[in-house]
Amino acid sequence: MARDSGTLTCPFTDSIQKKLGEFQNTRKEIEDNSKN
Protein backbone atom coordinates (compact mmCIF):
# COMPACT_ATOMS: atom_id res chain seq x y z
CA MET A 1 0.00 0.00 0.00
CA ALA A 2 1.12 3.54 -0.73
CA ARG A 3 -0.24 4.72 2.61
CA ASP A 4 3.25 5.06 4.10
CA SER A 5 4.31 7.69 1.57
CA GLY A 6 1.61 10.01 2.89
CA THR A 7 0.66 11.23 -0.57
CA LEU A 8 -2.35 8.96 -1.03
CA THR A 9 -3.92 9.26 2.42
CA CYS A 10 -6.73 11.49 1.20
CA PRO A 11 -10.38 10.58 1.90
CA PHE A 12 -10.94 10.02 -1.81
CA THR A 13 -8.34 7.26 -1.99
CA ASP A 14 -9.51 5.78 1.31
CA SER A 15 -13.07 5.51 0.00
CA ILE A 16 -11.81 3.83 -3.17
CA GLN A 17 -9.84 1.30 -1.13
CA LYS A 18 -12.93 0.64 0.98
CA LYS A 19 -15.14 0.17 -2.07
CA LEU A 20 -12.53 -2.13 -3.59
CA GLY A 21 -12.45 -4.22 -0.43
CA GLU A 22 -16.24 -4.46 -0.34
CA PHE A 23 -16.28 -5.45 -4.02
CA GLN A 24 -13.70 -8.20 -3.48
CA ASN A 25 -15.63 -9.51 -0.47
CA THR A 26 -18.87 -9.56 -2.45
CA ARG A 27 -17.19 -11.33 -5.34
CA LYS A 28 -15.77 -13.93 -2.96
CA GLU A 29 -19.21 -14.53 -1.48
CA ILE A 30 -20.71 -14.98 -4.96
CA GLU A 31 -17.97 -17.45 -5.89
CA ASP A 32 -18.52 -19.39 -2.66
CA ASN A 33 -22.26 -19.51 -3.29
CA SER A 34 -21.81 -20.74 -6.85
CA LYS A 35 -19.67 -23.63 -5.59
CA ASN A 36 -22.45 -24.99 -3.37
C-alpha atoms as a PDB file:
ATOM      1  CA  MET A   1       0.000   0.000   0.000  1.00  0.00           C
ATOM      2  CA  ALA A   2       1.119   3.542  -0.730  1.00  0.00           C
ATOM      3  CA  ARG A   3      -0.242   4.719   2.613  1.00  0.00           C
ATOM      4  CA  ASP A   4       3.247   5.056   4.103  1.00  0.00           C
ATOM      5  CA  SER A   5       4.305   7.695   1.570  1.00  0.00           C
ATOM      6  CA  GLY A   6       1.606  10.014   2.895  1.00  0.00           C
ATOM      7  CA  THR A   7       0.662  11.231  -0.572  1.00  0.00           C
ATOM      8  CA  LEU A   8      -2.353   8.963  -1.032  1.00  0.00           C
ATOM      9  CA  THR A   9      -3.923   9.265   2.416  1.00  0.00           C
ATOM     10  CA  CYS A  10      -6.732  11.492   1.197  1.00  0.00           C
ATOM     11  CA  PRO A  11     -10.384  10.579   1.904  1.00  0.00           C
ATOM     12  CA  PHE A  12     -10.945  10.018  -1.811  1.00  0.00           C
ATOM     13  CA  THR A  13      -8.342   7.261  -1.988  1.00  0.00           C
ATOM     14  CA  ASP A  14      -9.508   5.778   1.308  1.00  0.00           C
ATOM     15  CA  SER A  15     -13.069   5.507   0.002  1.00  0.00           C
ATOM     16  CA  ILE A  16     -11.810   3.834  -3.172  1.00  0.00           C
ATOM     17  CA  GLN A  17      -9.838   1.301  -1.129  1.00  0.00           C
ATOM     18  CA  LYS A  18     -12.933   0.644   0.983  1.00  0.00           C
ATOM     19  CA  LYS A  19     -15.136   0.171  -2.070  1.00  0.00           C
ATOM     20  CA  LEU A  20     -12.532  -2.129  -3.595  1.00  0.00           C
ATOM     21  CA  GLY A  21     -12.450  -4.217  -0.428  1.00  0.00           C
ATOM     22  CA  GLU A  22     -16.235  -4.459  -0.341  1.00  0.00           C
ATOM     23  CA  PHE A  23     -16.282  -5.446  -4.018  1.00  0.00           C
ATOM     24  CA  GLN A  24     -13.702  -8.198  -3.484  1.00  0.00           C
ATOM     25  CA  ASN A  25     -15.632  -9.510  -0.466  1.00  0.00           C
ATOM     26  CA  THR A  26     -18.874  -9.560  -2.447  1.00  0.00           C
ATOM     27  CA  ARG A  27     -17.194 -11.334  -5.342  1.00  0.00           C
ATOM     28  CA  LYS A  28     -15.769 -13.929  -2.957  1.00  0.00           C
ATOM     29  CA  GLU A  29     -19.215 -14.530  -1.479  1.00  0.00           C
ATOM     30  CA  ILE A  30     -20.706 -14.979  -4.956  1.00  0.00           C
ATOM     31  CA  GLU A  31     -17.966 -17.450  -5.889  1.00  0.00           C
ATOM     32  CA  ASP A  32     -18.518 -19.387  -2.661  1.00  0.00           C
ATOM     33  CA  ASN A  33     -22.260 -19.506  -3.288  1.00  0.00           C
ATOM     34  CA  SER A  34     -21.812 -20.743  -6.849  1.00  0.00           C
ATOM     35  CA  LYS A  35     -19.668 -23.629  -5.592  1.00  0.00           C
ATOM     36  CA  ASN A  36     -22.445 -24.992  -3.375  1.00  0.00           C
END
